[in-house]
């Protein structure tokens, strides 16, 4: 069976920075849960960050690849550097995916870890930039297809093509 890595917050787990979940009621996710395909991950918690925690953004909106290359930090709103926790969490997510042979992930859009289509620009102004979070970039660089919770149907089509 092909497993799918899914952001734990999308499953309703209260792991987001504000201590909340962001449960998705999409029928594709419901079907995958029924089939036992879903493998939950919260890279920020896996990286050692508490829940709740201060919001964090990648400085200058440079994106997850820049963080992984050591070219940009992830900073919490109050100024602390949480880069190592984000990188460690991404590594943990990749290790989990590899251990289960996972080729597909559906992650929470906008997150500095999980965003695949956009993240926030590091100014805490709500300004979006077209970049990936640290975990999304790490997984994609390793050949794992990454979708957001806005792309359930596309993710289901991708899974169907995996056979």
N, C-alpha and C. Protein backbone atom coordinates (compact mmCIF):
# COMPACT_ATOMS: atom_id res chain seq x y z
N UNK A 1 0.83 -1.19 0.00
CA UNK A 1 0.00 0.00 0.00
C UNK A 1 0.88 1.25 0.00
N UNK A 2 0.48 2.21 -0.79
CA UNK A 2 1.16 3.51 -0.81
C UNK A 2 0.65 4.37 0.35
N UNK A 3 1.55 4.76 1.22
CA UNK A 3 1.19 5.66 2.32
C UNK A 3 1.35 7.11 1.88
N UNK A 4 0.66 8.00 2.59
CA UNK A 4 0.72 9.43 2.29
C UNK A 4 1.07 10.17 3.57
N UNK A 5 2.09 11.00 3.50
CA UNK A 5 2.48 11.83 4.64
C UNK A 5 1.54 13.03 4.69
N UNK A 6 0.95 13.30 5.84
CA UNK A 6 -0.02 14.39 5.98
C UNK A 6 0.32 15.21 7.22
N UNK A 7 0.28 16.52 7.09
CA UNK A 7 0.48 17.40 8.25
C UNK A 7 -0.50 17.02 9.35
N UNK A 8 0.03 16.82 10.54
CA UNK A 8 -0.80 16.39 11.68
C UNK A 8 -1.92 17.39 11.98
N UNK A 9 -1.67 18.67 11.77
CA UNK A 9 -2.71 19.66 12.04
C UNK A 9 -3.92 19.47 11.14
N UNK A 10 -3.70 18.96 9.92
CA UNK A 10 -4.81 18.72 8.99
C UNK A 10 -5.67 17.55 9.44
N UNK A 11 -5.14 16.76 10.36
CA UNK A 11 -5.89 15.64 10.94
C UNK A 11 -6.59 16.06 12.23
N UNK A 12 -6.48 17.34 12.56
CA UNK A 12 -7.12 17.87 13.76
C UNK A 12 -6.25 17.86 14.99
N UNK A 13 -5.03 17.39 14.88
CA UNK A 13 -4.14 17.37 16.05
C UNK A 13 -3.75 18.81 16.42
N UNK A 14 -3.80 19.16 17.69
CA UNK A 14 -3.53 20.53 18.14
C UNK A 14 -2.04 20.82 18.23
N UNK A 15 -1.37 20.85 17.07
CA UNK A 15 0.08 20.99 17.03
C UNK A 15 0.56 22.30 16.39
N UNK A 16 -0.37 23.12 15.92
CA UNK A 16 0.04 24.38 15.28
C UNK A 16 0.65 25.33 16.31
N UNK A 17 1.30 26.35 15.84
CA UNK A 17 1.97 27.31 16.72
C UNK A 17 1.03 27.85 17.80
N UNK A 18 -0.26 27.99 17.48
CA UNK A 18 -1.23 28.54 18.42
C UNK A 18 -1.92 27.46 19.25
N UNK A 19 -1.44 26.23 19.17
CA UNK A 19 -2.01 25.15 19.94
C UNK A 19 -3.30 24.57 19.37
N UNK A 20 -3.61 24.93 18.15
CA UNK A 20 -4.84 24.47 17.49
C UNK A 20 -4.52 23.47 16.39
N UNK A 21 -5.55 22.77 15.95
CA UNK A 21 -5.47 21.95 14.74
C UNK A 21 -6.11 22.75 13.61
N UNK A 22 -6.09 22.21 12.43
CA UNK A 22 -6.71 22.83 11.26
C UNK A 22 -7.30 21.70 10.43
N UNK A 23 -8.20 20.94 11.06
CA UNK A 23 -8.69 19.69 10.47
C UNK A 23 -9.36 19.91 9.12
N UNK A 24 -8.99 19.07 8.18
CA UNK A 24 -9.59 19.08 6.86
C UNK A 24 -10.67 18.02 6.80
N UNK A 25 -11.82 18.41 6.30
CA UNK A 25 -12.91 17.47 6.13
C UNK A 25 -13.04 16.97 4.70
N UNK A 26 -11.99 17.15 3.91
CA UNK A 26 -12.06 16.78 2.50
C UNK A 26 -12.29 15.27 2.34
N UNK A 27 -13.15 14.89 1.40
CA UNK A 27 -13.44 13.46 1.19
C UNK A 27 -12.23 12.63 0.82
N UNK A 28 -11.26 13.20 0.11
CA UNK A 28 -10.05 12.43 -0.24
C UNK A 28 -9.31 12.03 1.04
N UNK A 29 -9.15 12.98 1.96
CA UNK A 29 -8.47 12.66 3.21
C UNK A 29 -9.27 11.62 3.99
N UNK A 30 -10.58 11.78 4.03
CA UNK A 30 -11.43 10.82 4.75
C UNK A 30 -11.25 9.41 4.18
N UNK A 31 -11.19 9.31 2.85
CA UNK A 31 -10.99 8.00 2.20
C UNK A 31 -9.63 7.43 2.57
N UNK A 32 -8.58 8.26 2.49
CA UNK A 32 -7.23 7.78 2.83
C UNK A 32 -7.15 7.33 4.28
N UNK A 33 -7.84 8.04 5.16
CA UNK A 33 -7.83 7.65 6.58
C UNK A 33 -8.51 6.29 6.73
N UNK A 34 -9.63 6.10 6.06
CA UNK A 34 -10.36 4.82 6.11
C UNK A 34 -9.48 3.69 5.58
N UNK A 35 -8.72 3.97 4.53
CA UNK A 35 -7.84 2.96 3.92
C UNK A 35 -6.56 2.72 4.72
N UNK A 36 -6.32 3.53 5.74
CA UNK A 36 -5.11 3.37 6.55
C UNK A 36 -3.84 3.87 5.87
N UNK A 37 -3.98 4.80 4.93
CA UNK A 37 -2.83 5.31 4.17
C UNK A 37 -2.10 6.46 4.86
N UNK A 38 -2.75 7.13 5.79
CA UNK A 38 -2.24 8.39 6.32
C UNK A 38 -1.17 8.18 7.38
N UNK A 39 -0.05 8.87 7.20
CA UNK A 39 1.01 8.90 8.18
C UNK A 39 1.15 10.37 8.60
N UNK A 40 0.86 10.65 9.86
CA UNK A 40 0.86 12.03 10.36
C UNK A 40 2.26 12.50 10.71
N UNK A 41 2.51 13.79 10.46
CA UNK A 41 3.77 14.39 10.86
C UNK A 41 3.55 15.87 11.18
N UNK A 42 4.19 16.34 12.22
CA UNK A 42 4.32 17.77 12.47
C UNK A 42 5.81 18.03 12.60
N UNK A 43 6.43 18.56 11.55
CA UNK A 43 7.88 18.75 11.59
C UNK A 43 8.34 19.67 12.71
N UNK A 44 7.55 20.67 13.05
CA UNK A 44 7.97 21.61 14.08
C UNK A 44 8.02 20.92 15.44
N UNK A 45 7.02 20.10 15.74
CA UNK A 45 7.04 19.33 16.98
C UNK A 45 8.16 18.29 16.93
N UNK A 46 8.30 17.60 15.78
CA UNK A 46 9.37 16.61 15.63
C UNK A 46 10.74 17.24 15.81
N UNK A 47 10.84 18.52 15.45
CA UNK A 47 12.10 19.23 15.59
C UNK A 47 12.37 19.74 17.00
N UNK A 48 11.41 19.52 17.90
CA UNK A 48 11.62 19.86 19.30
C UNK A 48 10.92 21.12 19.79
N UNK A 49 10.11 21.75 18.94
CA UNK A 49 9.43 22.96 19.37
C UNK A 49 8.17 22.62 20.17
N UNK A 50 7.84 23.45 21.17
CA UNK A 50 6.66 23.19 21.99
C UNK A 50 5.38 23.62 21.30
N UNK A 51 4.27 23.20 21.86
CA UNK A 51 2.96 23.65 21.42
C UNK A 51 2.22 24.15 22.65
N UNK A 52 1.72 25.37 22.64
CA UNK A 52 1.90 26.39 21.60
C UNK A 52 3.33 26.93 21.61
N UNK A 53 3.63 27.72 20.57
CA UNK A 53 4.95 28.33 20.42
C UNK A 53 4.77 29.65 19.68
N UNK A 54 5.73 30.54 19.77
CA UNK A 54 5.62 31.79 19.01
C UNK A 54 5.58 31.50 17.51
N UNK A 55 4.82 32.28 16.75
CA UNK A 55 4.85 32.09 15.30
C UNK A 55 6.26 32.34 14.77
N UNK A 56 6.58 31.68 13.68
CA UNK A 56 7.91 31.82 13.07
C UNK A 56 7.75 32.03 11.58
N UNK A 57 8.71 32.74 10.99
CA UNK A 57 8.75 32.95 9.55
C UNK A 57 10.20 32.91 9.10
N UNK A 58 10.39 32.58 7.82
CA UNK A 58 11.73 32.56 7.23
C UNK A 58 12.10 33.99 6.87
N UNK A 59 13.25 34.43 7.34
CA UNK A 59 13.67 35.81 7.12
C UNK A 59 13.71 36.14 5.63
N UNK A 60 13.19 37.28 5.32
CA UNK A 60 13.19 37.83 3.96
C UNK A 60 12.43 36.95 2.97
N UNK A 61 11.63 36.01 3.48
CA UNK A 61 10.83 35.17 2.60
C UNK A 61 11.64 34.37 1.61
N UNK A 62 12.85 34.01 2.02
CA UNK A 62 13.76 33.34 1.08
C UNK A 62 13.39 31.89 0.79
N UNK A 63 12.63 31.26 1.66
CA UNK A 63 12.17 29.91 1.38
C UNK A 63 13.00 28.82 2.01
N UNK A 64 12.40 27.63 2.01
CA UNK A 64 12.98 26.49 2.68
C UNK A 64 14.31 26.03 2.14
N UNK A 65 14.51 26.10 0.84
CA UNK A 65 15.82 25.69 0.29
C UNK A 65 16.94 26.58 0.81
N UNK A 66 16.66 27.87 0.93
CA UNK A 66 17.68 28.79 1.46
C UNK A 66 18.00 28.42 2.90
N UNK A 67 16.99 28.04 3.66
CA UNK A 67 17.23 27.61 5.05
C UNK A 67 18.08 26.35 5.06
N UNK A 68 17.73 25.38 4.23
CA UNK A 68 18.48 24.12 4.19
C UNK A 68 19.92 24.32 3.74
N UNK A 69 20.17 25.33 2.92
CA UNK A 69 21.54 25.64 2.46
C UNK A 69 22.29 26.52 3.46
N UNK A 70 21.63 26.92 4.55
CA UNK A 70 22.27 27.77 5.54
C UNK A 70 22.31 29.23 5.14
N UNK A 71 21.47 29.63 4.20
CA UNK A 71 21.49 31.00 3.69
C UNK A 71 20.43 31.91 4.31
N UNK A 72 19.51 31.34 5.09
CA UNK A 72 18.44 32.13 5.70
C UNK A 72 18.03 31.47 7.01
N UNK A 73 17.76 32.28 8.04
CA UNK A 73 17.29 31.72 9.30
C UNK A 73 15.76 31.69 9.36
N UNK A 74 15.26 30.86 10.25
CA UNK A 74 13.86 30.89 10.63
C UNK A 74 13.82 31.56 12.00
N UNK A 75 13.07 32.66 12.08
CA UNK A 75 13.03 33.43 13.31
C UNK A 75 11.63 33.45 13.89
N UNK A 76 11.55 33.22 15.21
CA UNK A 76 10.27 33.37 15.91
C UNK A 76 9.96 34.85 16.01
N UNK A 77 8.70 35.16 16.17
CA UNK A 77 8.26 36.56 16.15
C UNK A 77 8.98 37.40 17.18
N UNK A 78 9.31 36.81 18.34
CA UNK A 78 10.00 37.59 19.37
C UNK A 78 11.51 37.68 19.12
N UNK A 79 11.97 37.07 18.02
CA UNK A 79 13.36 37.23 17.62
C UNK A 79 14.26 36.03 17.80
N UNK A 80 13.83 34.99 18.50
CA UNK A 80 14.71 33.84 18.69
C UNK A 80 14.89 33.07 17.39
N UNK A 81 16.07 32.52 17.22
CA UNK A 81 16.42 31.75 16.03
C UNK A 81 15.99 30.30 16.25
N UNK A 82 15.05 29.83 15.45
CA UNK A 82 14.54 28.46 15.56
C UNK A 82 14.92 27.62 14.33
N UNK A 83 15.92 28.08 13.62
CA UNK A 83 16.33 27.41 12.38
C UNK A 83 16.66 25.93 12.60
N UNK A 84 17.44 25.64 13.61
CA UNK A 84 17.87 24.25 13.82
C UNK A 84 16.68 23.33 14.07
N UNK A 85 15.68 23.79 14.81
CA UNK A 85 14.49 22.98 15.05
C UNK A 85 13.74 22.73 13.74
N UNK A 86 13.66 23.73 12.89
CA UNK A 86 12.97 23.56 11.61
C UNK A 86 13.72 22.59 10.70
N UNK A 87 15.03 22.70 10.66
CA UNK A 87 15.84 21.79 9.84
C UNK A 87 15.75 20.37 10.39
N UNK A 88 15.87 20.23 11.70
CA UNK A 88 15.77 18.91 12.33
C UNK A 88 14.40 18.29 12.06
N UNK A 89 13.35 19.09 12.17
CA UNK A 89 12.00 18.59 11.89
C UNK A 89 11.84 18.13 10.45
N UNK A 90 12.43 18.88 9.52
CA UNK A 90 12.38 18.48 8.11
C UNK A 90 13.11 17.15 7.91
N UNK A 91 14.25 17.01 8.55
CA UNK A 91 15.01 15.76 8.46
C UNK A 91 14.22 14.60 9.05
N UNK A 92 13.52 14.84 10.15
CA UNK A 92 12.69 13.80 10.77
C UNK A 92 11.54 13.40 9.84
N UNK A 93 10.91 14.39 9.21
CA UNK A 93 9.82 14.10 8.27
C UNK A 93 10.33 13.28 7.09
N UNK A 94 11.49 13.64 6.57
CA UNK A 94 12.06 12.88 5.45
C UNK A 94 12.41 11.46 5.88
N UNK A 95 12.99 11.30 7.06
CA UNK A 95 13.32 9.95 7.55
C UNK A 95 12.05 9.10 7.70
N UNK A 96 10.98 9.71 8.22
CA UNK A 96 9.71 8.99 8.36
C UNK A 96 9.18 8.58 6.99
N UNK A 97 9.20 9.50 6.04
CA UNK A 97 8.73 9.20 4.69
C UNK A 97 9.53 8.07 4.07
N UNK A 98 10.84 8.14 4.20
CA UNK A 98 11.69 7.09 3.62
C UNK A 98 11.44 5.74 4.28
N UNK A 99 11.22 5.75 5.59
CA UNK A 99 11.01 4.48 6.32
C UNK A 99 9.73 3.78 5.87
N UNK A 100 8.78 4.52 5.34
CA UNK A 100 7.50 3.95 4.90
C UNK A 100 7.38 3.90 3.38
N UNK A 101 8.43 4.29 2.67
CA UNK A 101 8.39 4.29 1.21
C UNK A 101 7.43 5.33 0.64
N UNK A 102 7.21 6.39 1.36
CA UNK A 102 6.24 7.41 0.96
C UNK A 102 6.78 8.24 -0.20
N UNK A 103 5.90 8.45 -1.20
CA UNK A 103 6.26 9.23 -2.38
C UNK A 103 5.40 10.47 -2.54
N UNK A 104 4.50 10.72 -1.57
CA UNK A 104 3.52 11.79 -1.68
C UNK A 104 3.23 12.37 -0.31
N UNK A 105 3.19 13.71 -0.23
CA UNK A 105 2.85 14.39 1.01
C UNK A 105 1.81 15.46 0.74
N UNK A 106 0.90 15.64 1.70
CA UNK A 106 -0.05 16.75 1.67
C UNK A 106 0.18 17.53 2.95
N UNK A 107 0.65 18.76 2.77
CA UNK A 107 1.10 19.57 3.90
C UNK A 107 0.33 20.88 3.99
N UNK A 108 0.37 21.50 5.17
CA UNK A 108 -0.39 22.72 5.46
C UNK A 108 0.21 23.92 4.75
N UNK A 109 -0.59 24.51 3.88
CA UNK A 109 -0.15 25.68 3.10
C UNK A 109 0.14 26.86 4.03
N UNK A 110 1.15 27.64 3.65
CA UNK A 110 1.48 28.86 4.37
C UNK A 110 2.44 28.67 5.53
N UNK A 111 2.60 27.46 5.98
CA UNK A 111 3.47 27.17 7.11
C UNK A 111 4.94 27.33 6.74
N UNK A 112 5.77 27.86 7.66
CA UNK A 112 7.20 27.96 7.37
C UNK A 112 7.88 26.60 7.27
N UNK A 113 7.21 25.55 7.73
CA UNK A 113 7.69 24.18 7.52
C UNK A 113 7.04 23.57 6.30
N UNK A 114 5.72 23.63 6.25
CA UNK A 114 4.94 22.80 5.33
C UNK A 114 4.42 23.50 4.09
N UNK A 115 4.49 24.82 4.02
CA UNK A 115 3.96 25.52 2.86
C UNK A 115 4.60 25.04 1.57
N UNK A 116 3.77 24.76 0.57
CA UNK A 116 4.32 24.30 -0.71
C UNK A 116 4.09 25.30 -1.84
N UNK A 117 3.09 26.12 -1.72
CA UNK A 117 2.80 27.13 -2.74
C UNK A 117 3.14 28.53 -2.29
N UNK A 118 3.03 28.75 -0.98
CA UNK A 118 3.41 30.05 -0.43
C UNK A 118 3.77 29.92 1.05
N UNK A 119 4.56 30.88 1.50
CA UNK A 119 4.87 31.08 2.91
C UNK A 119 4.74 32.58 3.15
N UNK A 120 5.01 33.00 4.35
CA UNK A 120 4.98 34.43 4.66
C UNK A 120 6.38 34.99 4.62
N UNK A 121 6.48 36.30 4.35
CA UNK A 121 7.75 36.91 3.95
C UNK A 121 8.73 37.24 5.07
N UNK A 122 8.42 36.90 6.30
CA UNK A 122 9.36 37.15 7.39
C UNK A 122 9.13 38.47 8.10
N UNK A 123 8.17 39.25 7.64
CA UNK A 123 7.91 40.57 8.24
C UNK A 123 6.75 40.54 9.24
N UNK A 124 6.08 39.41 9.36
CA UNK A 124 4.91 39.25 10.23
C UNK A 124 3.80 40.24 9.88
N UNK A 125 3.72 40.58 8.60
CA UNK A 125 2.70 41.52 8.13
C UNK A 125 1.57 40.80 7.40
N UNK A 126 1.69 39.47 7.27
CA UNK A 126 0.70 38.72 6.52
C UNK A 126 0.97 38.68 5.03
N UNK A 127 2.13 39.20 4.61
CA UNK A 127 2.48 39.23 3.20
C UNK A 127 2.99 37.86 2.76
N UNK A 128 2.37 37.33 1.72
CA UNK A 128 2.75 36.01 1.19
C UNK A 128 3.81 36.15 0.11
N UNK A 129 4.66 35.12 0.02
CA UNK A 129 5.62 35.00 -1.08
C UNK A 129 5.50 33.59 -1.65
N UNK A 130 5.74 33.47 -2.94
CA UNK A 130 5.68 32.16 -3.59
C UNK A 130 7.00 31.45 -3.32
N UNK A 131 6.98 30.68 -2.26
CA UNK A 131 8.14 29.90 -1.82
C UNK A 131 7.64 28.69 -1.06
N UNK A 132 8.53 27.81 -0.70
CA UNK A 132 8.20 26.62 0.08
C UNK A 132 8.75 26.76 1.48
N UNK A 133 8.11 26.04 2.41
CA UNK A 133 8.64 25.92 3.75
C UNK A 133 9.80 24.94 3.77
N UNK A 134 10.42 24.81 4.92
CA UNK A 134 11.64 24.00 5.07
C UNK A 134 11.36 22.52 4.78
N UNK A 135 10.32 21.97 5.38
CA UNK A 135 10.02 20.55 5.18
C UNK A 135 9.55 20.27 3.76
N UNK A 136 8.69 21.13 3.23
CA UNK A 136 8.23 20.94 1.86
C UNK A 136 9.41 20.93 0.90
N UNK A 137 10.34 21.85 1.08
CA UNK A 137 11.52 21.90 0.21
C UNK A 137 12.40 20.66 0.38
N UNK A 138 12.56 20.22 1.61
CA UNK A 138 13.38 19.04 1.89
C UNK A 138 12.78 17.80 1.24
N UNK A 139 11.48 17.62 1.40
CA UNK A 139 10.81 16.44 0.82
C UNK A 139 10.87 16.48 -0.70
N UNK A 140 10.57 17.65 -1.27
CA UNK A 140 10.58 17.75 -2.73
C UNK A 140 11.98 17.51 -3.29
N UNK A 141 13.00 18.03 -2.62
CA UNK A 141 14.37 17.81 -3.08
C UNK A 141 14.74 16.33 -3.06
N UNK A 142 14.08 15.57 -2.19
CA UNK A 142 14.33 14.13 -2.09
C UNK A 142 13.44 13.32 -3.04
N UNK A 143 12.66 14.01 -3.88
CA UNK A 143 11.86 13.33 -4.87
C UNK A 143 10.45 12.98 -4.43
N UNK A 144 10.02 13.50 -3.30
CA UNK A 144 8.66 13.25 -2.82
C UNK A 144 7.76 14.37 -3.32
N UNK A 145 6.64 14.01 -3.93
CA UNK A 145 5.70 15.01 -4.44
C UNK A 145 4.99 15.66 -3.26
N UNK A 146 4.93 16.99 -3.27
CA UNK A 146 4.33 17.74 -2.17
C UNK A 146 3.15 18.55 -2.70
N UNK A 147 2.02 18.37 -2.04
CA UNK A 147 0.79 19.10 -2.35
C UNK A 147 0.33 19.81 -1.08
N UNK A 148 -0.54 20.80 -1.25
CA UNK A 148 -1.14 21.46 -0.09
C UNK A 148 -2.55 20.95 0.13
N UNK A 149 -3.15 21.36 1.24
CA UNK A 149 -4.53 20.97 1.53
C UNK A 149 -5.53 21.63 0.59
N UNK A 150 -5.04 22.48 -0.31
CA UNK A 150 -5.88 23.07 -1.35
C UNK A 150 -5.86 22.21 -2.62
N UNK A 151 -5.12 21.10 -2.59
CA UNK A 151 -4.90 20.28 -3.78
C UNK A 151 -5.20 18.80 -3.54
N UNK A 152 -6.23 18.50 -2.76
CA UNK A 152 -6.54 17.10 -2.46
C UNK A 152 -6.80 16.29 -3.73
N UNK A 153 -7.57 16.85 -4.66
CA UNK A 153 -7.90 16.09 -5.88
C UNK A 153 -6.65 15.82 -6.72
N UNK A 154 -5.77 16.81 -6.81
CA UNK A 154 -4.52 16.63 -7.54
C UNK A 154 -3.64 15.57 -6.87
N UNK A 155 -3.62 15.60 -5.54
CA UNK A 155 -2.84 14.61 -4.81
C UNK A 155 -3.41 13.22 -5.01
N UNK A 156 -4.74 13.10 -5.02
CA UNK A 156 -5.37 11.80 -5.25
C UNK A 156 -5.05 11.27 -6.64
N UNK A 157 -5.05 12.17 -7.63
CA UNK A 157 -4.70 11.75 -8.99
C UNK A 157 -3.25 11.27 -9.05
N UNK A 158 -2.36 11.98 -8.37
CA UNK A 158 -0.96 11.59 -8.34
C UNK A 158 -0.82 10.20 -7.70
N UNK A 159 -1.51 10.00 -6.59
CA UNK A 159 -1.46 8.71 -5.90
C UNK A 159 -1.96 7.59 -6.81
N UNK A 160 -3.06 7.84 -7.53
CA UNK A 160 -3.61 6.84 -8.43
C UNK A 160 -2.62 6.47 -9.52
N UNK A 161 -1.82 7.43 -9.97
CA UNK A 161 -0.82 7.16 -11.01
C UNK A 161 0.40 6.42 -10.49
N UNK A 162 0.58 6.41 -9.17
CA UNK A 162 1.68 5.65 -8.60
C UNK A 162 1.44 4.15 -8.68
N UNK A 163 0.15 3.80 -8.80
CA UNK A 163 -0.20 2.40 -8.93
C UNK A 163 -0.40 1.79 -7.62
